[in-house]
């Protein structure tokens, strides 16, 4: 058994420090890559959220117009709907 113990001791004395020294640049590059990927994903997620918010705002505006048309009793509903169809969507 003295052979196995000496190999284990040699690994901790020589091998482990060598692995830590030469593995550090690889580990740093890996962490930098993960950080950059997370930043890109965060930017894309924020962009999608802004697009959904803008789309949601447009839908809410259209619903408000439709609610106003339905609740206004003195106006001709079909003429207003046709006027809305002619307007461009923003």
N, C-alpha and C. Protein backbone atom coordinates (compact mmCIF):
# COMPACT_ATOMS: atom_id res chain seq x y z
N UNK A 1 0.79 -1.21 0.00
CA UNK A 1 0.00 0.00 0.00
C UNK A 1 0.83 1.28 0.00
N UNK A 2 2.09 1.25 0.32
CA UNK A 2 2.84 2.50 0.31
C UNK A 2 2.89 3.12 -1.08
N UNK A 3 2.77 2.34 -2.13
CA UNK A 3 2.78 2.88 -3.49
C UNK A 3 1.55 3.72 -3.78
N UNK A 4 0.38 3.27 -3.36
CA UNK A 4 -0.87 4.00 -3.59
C UNK A 4 -0.88 5.29 -2.80
N UNK A 5 -0.44 5.24 -1.57
CA UNK A 5 -0.41 6.43 -0.73
C UNK A 5 0.55 7.48 -1.29
N UNK A 6 1.67 7.04 -1.79
CA UNK A 6 2.63 8.00 -2.35
C UNK A 6 2.10 8.63 -3.64
N UNK A 7 1.35 7.87 -4.41
CA UNK A 7 0.75 8.43 -5.63
C UNK A 7 -0.30 9.48 -5.27
N UNK A 8 -1.09 9.20 -4.26
CA UNK A 8 -2.12 10.16 -3.83
C UNK A 8 -1.47 11.42 -3.28
N UNK A 9 -0.43 11.26 -2.49
CA UNK A 9 0.27 12.42 -1.94
C UNK A 9 0.93 13.22 -3.06
N UNK A 10 1.54 12.52 -4.03
CA UNK A 10 2.17 13.21 -5.16
C UNK A 10 1.13 13.98 -5.97
N UNK A 11 -0.05 13.41 -6.12
CA UNK A 11 -1.10 14.11 -6.86
C UNK A 11 -1.48 15.42 -6.16
N UNK A 12 -1.65 15.35 -4.83
CA UNK A 12 -2.04 16.56 -4.11
C UNK A 12 -0.91 17.58 -4.03
N UNK A 13 0.32 17.12 -3.99
CA UNK A 13 1.45 18.04 -3.87
C UNK A 13 1.83 18.63 -5.23
N UNK A 14 1.80 17.82 -6.28
CA UNK A 14 2.26 18.28 -7.60
C UNK A 14 1.10 18.46 -8.57
N UNK A 15 0.29 17.45 -8.71
CA UNK A 15 -0.75 17.45 -9.74
C UNK A 15 -1.84 18.49 -9.55
N UNK A 16 -2.34 18.61 -8.35
CA UNK A 16 -3.42 19.55 -8.08
C UNK A 16 -3.01 21.01 -8.32
N UNK A 17 -1.86 21.44 -7.81
CA UNK A 17 -1.45 22.81 -8.12
C UNK A 17 -1.24 23.06 -9.62
N UNK A 18 -0.70 22.07 -10.33
CA UNK A 18 -0.50 22.21 -11.77
C UNK A 18 -1.85 22.35 -12.47
N UNK A 19 -2.81 21.51 -12.08
CA UNK A 19 -4.15 21.61 -12.67
C UNK A 19 -4.79 22.97 -12.38
N UNK A 20 -4.63 23.46 -11.18
CA UNK A 20 -5.22 24.75 -10.83
C UNK A 20 -4.56 25.89 -11.60
N UNK A 21 -3.26 25.84 -11.76
CA UNK A 21 -2.55 26.92 -12.45
C UNK A 21 -2.90 26.93 -13.93
N UNK A 22 -2.84 25.75 -14.58
CA UNK A 22 -3.10 25.70 -16.01
C UNK A 22 -4.59 25.68 -16.33
N UNK A 23 -5.42 25.31 -15.39
CA UNK A 23 -6.85 25.28 -15.63
C UNK A 23 -7.53 26.62 -15.42
N UNK A 24 -6.85 27.55 -14.76
CA UNK A 24 -7.45 28.85 -14.46
C UNK A 24 -7.83 29.63 -15.72
N UNK A 25 -6.96 29.74 -16.75
CA UNK A 25 -7.37 30.48 -17.96
C UNK A 25 -8.58 29.84 -18.65
N UNK A 26 -8.62 28.52 -18.69
CA UNK A 26 -9.76 27.85 -19.29
C UNK A 26 -11.03 28.16 -18.51
N UNK A 27 -10.95 28.07 -17.19
CA UNK A 27 -12.11 28.35 -16.35
C UNK A 27 -12.57 29.80 -16.51
N UNK A 28 -11.61 30.75 -16.60
CA UNK A 28 -11.94 32.17 -16.77
C UNK A 28 -12.67 32.38 -18.11
N UNK A 29 -12.16 31.75 -19.18
CA UNK A 29 -12.81 31.89 -20.50
C UNK A 29 -14.21 31.31 -20.47
N UNK A 30 -14.37 30.19 -19.79
CA UNK A 30 -15.69 29.57 -19.66
C UNK A 30 -16.66 30.50 -18.93
N UNK A 31 -16.22 31.11 -17.86
CA UNK A 31 -17.06 32.02 -17.09
C UNK A 31 -17.38 33.29 -17.91
N UNK A 32 -16.40 33.81 -18.64
CA UNK A 32 -16.65 34.99 -19.49
C UNK A 32 -17.67 34.67 -20.57
N UNK A 33 -17.54 33.47 -21.15
CA UNK A 33 -18.50 33.06 -22.19
C UNK A 33 -19.91 32.95 -21.62
N UNK A 34 -20.05 32.35 -20.46
CA UNK A 34 -21.37 32.22 -19.83
C UNK A 34 -21.95 33.59 -19.50
N UNK A 35 -21.11 34.49 -19.02
CA UNK A 35 -21.59 35.83 -18.67
C UNK A 35 -22.07 36.58 -19.91
N UNK A 36 -21.31 36.47 -20.99
CA UNK A 36 -21.70 37.14 -22.24
C UNK A 36 -23.01 36.56 -22.77
N UNK A 37 -23.15 35.24 -22.70
CA UNK A 37 -24.37 34.59 -23.17
C UNK A 37 -25.58 35.03 -22.35
N UNK A 38 -25.39 35.16 -21.04
CA UNK A 38 -26.48 35.61 -20.18
C UNK A 38 -26.87 37.06 -20.48
N UNK A 39 -25.89 37.92 -20.79
CA UNK A 39 -26.18 39.30 -21.15
C UNK A 39 -26.99 39.36 -22.44
N UNK A 40 -26.61 38.55 -23.42
CA UNK A 40 -27.34 38.53 -24.69
C UNK A 40 -28.77 38.04 -24.47
N UNK A 41 -28.93 36.99 -23.69
CA UNK A 41 -30.28 36.48 -23.41
C UNK A 41 -31.12 37.51 -22.67
N UNK A 42 -30.51 38.24 -21.76
CA UNK A 42 -31.24 39.28 -21.02
C UNK A 42 -31.69 40.39 -21.97
N UNK A 43 -30.79 40.79 -22.90
CA UNK A 43 -31.17 41.81 -23.87
C UNK A 43 -32.32 41.36 -24.76
N UNK A 44 -32.26 40.10 -25.24
CA UNK A 44 -33.32 39.58 -26.08
C UNK A 44 -34.64 39.48 -25.31
N UNK A 45 -34.57 39.08 -24.07
CA UNK A 45 -35.78 38.99 -23.25
C UNK A 45 -36.40 40.36 -23.03
N UNK A 46 -35.57 41.36 -22.78
CA UNK A 46 -36.08 42.72 -22.59
C UNK A 46 -36.70 43.24 -23.89
N UNK A 47 -36.07 42.90 -25.01
CA UNK A 47 -36.61 43.33 -26.31
C UNK A 47 -37.98 42.71 -26.55
N UNK A 48 -38.10 41.40 -26.28
CA UNK A 48 -39.39 40.74 -26.45
C UNK A 48 -40.45 41.32 -25.52
N UNK A 49 -40.07 41.62 -24.29
CA UNK A 49 -41.02 42.20 -23.34
C UNK A 49 -41.51 43.55 -23.84
N UNK A 50 -40.61 44.35 -24.41
CA UNK A 50 -41.02 45.65 -24.95
C UNK A 50 -41.96 45.48 -26.13
N UNK A 51 -41.69 44.50 -26.98
CA UNK A 51 -42.58 44.25 -28.12
C UNK A 51 -43.95 43.81 -27.65
N UNK A 52 -43.99 42.91 -26.65
CA UNK A 52 -45.28 42.47 -26.12
C UNK A 52 -46.04 43.63 -25.48
N UNK A 53 -45.32 44.49 -24.78
CA UNK A 53 -45.98 45.64 -24.14
C UNK A 53 -46.57 46.58 -25.18
N UNK A 54 -45.83 46.82 -26.26
CA UNK A 54 -46.34 47.70 -27.32
C UNK A 54 -47.56 47.07 -27.99
N UNK A 55 -47.49 45.78 -28.24
CA UNK A 55 -48.62 45.09 -28.87
C UNK A 55 -49.83 45.12 -27.94
N UNK A 56 -49.60 44.90 -26.66
CA UNK A 56 -50.67 44.93 -25.69
C UNK A 56 -51.31 46.31 -25.62
N UNK A 57 -50.48 47.36 -25.68
CA UNK A 57 -51.00 48.73 -25.66
C UNK A 57 -51.90 48.99 -26.87
N UNK A 58 -51.47 48.53 -28.04
CA UNK A 58 -52.30 48.71 -29.25
C UNK A 58 -53.63 48.00 -29.11
N UNK A 59 -53.59 46.78 -28.58
CA UNK A 59 -54.84 46.04 -28.39
C UNK A 59 -55.76 46.75 -27.38
N UNK A 60 -55.19 47.28 -26.32
CA UNK A 60 -55.99 48.00 -25.33
C UNK A 60 -56.63 49.24 -25.95
N UNK A 61 -55.90 49.95 -26.80
CA UNK A 61 -56.46 51.12 -27.47
C UNK A 61 -57.63 50.73 -28.36
N UNK A 62 -57.48 49.63 -29.07
CA UNK A 62 -58.56 49.19 -29.96
C UNK A 62 -59.79 48.77 -29.14
N UNK A 63 -59.58 48.10 -28.01
CA UNK A 63 -60.70 47.70 -27.17
C UNK A 63 -61.40 48.93 -26.61
N UNK A 64 -60.63 49.95 -26.22
CA UNK A 64 -61.25 51.19 -25.72
C UNK A 64 -62.14 51.83 -26.79
N UNK A 65 -61.63 51.85 -28.03
CA UNK A 65 -62.43 52.42 -29.12
C UNK A 65 -63.70 51.62 -29.32
N UNK A 66 -63.57 50.31 -29.33
CA UNK A 66 -64.76 49.46 -29.50
C UNK A 66 -65.74 49.64 -28.34
N UNK A 67 -65.25 49.75 -27.12
CA UNK A 67 -66.14 49.98 -25.98
C UNK A 67 -66.86 51.31 -26.12
N UNK A 68 -66.12 52.33 -26.58
CA UNK A 68 -66.75 53.64 -26.75
C UNK A 68 -67.82 53.58 -27.83
N UNK A 69 -67.55 52.86 -28.92
CA UNK A 69 -68.53 52.74 -30.00
C UNK A 69 -69.79 52.03 -29.51
N UNK A 70 -69.59 50.96 -28.76
CA UNK A 70 -70.74 50.19 -28.29
C UNK A 70 -71.55 50.97 -27.27
N UNK A 71 -70.89 51.75 -26.42
CA UNK A 71 -71.63 52.45 -25.37
C UNK A 71 -72.25 53.76 -25.83
N UNK A 72 -71.75 54.37 -26.92
CA UNK A 72 -72.35 55.60 -27.45
C UNK A 72 -73.60 55.25 -28.23
N UNK A 73 -74.75 55.60 -27.69
CA UNK A 73 -76.01 55.20 -28.33
C UNK A 73 -76.43 56.16 -29.44
N UNK A 74 -75.93 57.38 -29.44
CA UNK A 74 -76.38 58.35 -30.43
C UNK A 74 -75.64 58.25 -31.75
N UNK A 75 -74.65 57.42 -31.88
CA UNK A 75 -73.85 57.35 -33.10
C UNK A 75 -74.17 56.10 -33.90
N UNK A 76 -73.95 56.19 -35.17
CA UNK A 76 -74.19 55.05 -36.05
C UNK A 76 -72.99 54.10 -35.95
N UNK A 77 -73.20 52.95 -35.37
CA UNK A 77 -72.11 52.01 -35.08
C UNK A 77 -71.46 51.50 -36.36
N UNK A 78 -72.22 51.16 -37.36
CA UNK A 78 -71.63 50.58 -38.58
C UNK A 78 -70.73 51.58 -39.29
N UNK A 79 -71.08 52.87 -39.29
CA UNK A 79 -70.22 53.88 -39.92
C UNK A 79 -68.89 54.00 -39.16
N UNK A 80 -68.94 53.94 -37.86
CA UNK A 80 -67.70 54.05 -37.09
C UNK A 80 -66.81 52.83 -37.30
N UNK A 81 -67.41 51.66 -37.39
CA UNK A 81 -66.60 50.46 -37.64
C UNK A 81 -65.93 50.55 -39.00
N UNK A 82 -66.66 51.00 -39.98
CA UNK A 82 -66.07 51.16 -41.32
C UNK A 82 -64.95 52.20 -41.31
N UNK A 83 -65.12 53.27 -40.57
CA UNK A 83 -64.07 54.29 -40.46
C UNK A 83 -62.82 53.69 -39.79
N UNK A 84 -63.02 52.83 -38.82
CA UNK A 84 -61.87 52.19 -38.17
C UNK A 84 -61.13 51.25 -39.11
N UNK A 85 -61.85 50.60 -39.99
CA UNK A 85 -61.21 49.70 -40.95
C UNK A 85 -60.32 50.46 -41.92
N UNK A 86 -60.69 51.68 -42.22
CA UNK A 86 -59.91 52.48 -43.18
C UNK A 86 -58.64 53.05 -42.57
N UNK A 87 -58.61 53.16 -41.23
CA UNK A 87 -57.41 53.72 -40.57
C UNK A 87 -56.27 52.72 -40.56
N UNK A 88 -55.03 53.19 -40.74
CA UNK A 88 -53.90 52.26 -40.65
C UNK A 88 -53.64 51.86 -39.20
N UNK A 89 -53.16 50.63 -39.02
CA UNK A 89 -52.84 50.16 -37.68
C UNK A 89 -51.46 50.62 -37.29
N UNK A 90 -51.32 51.16 -36.09
CA UNK A 90 -50.01 51.63 -35.60
C UNK A 90 -49.59 50.79 -34.46
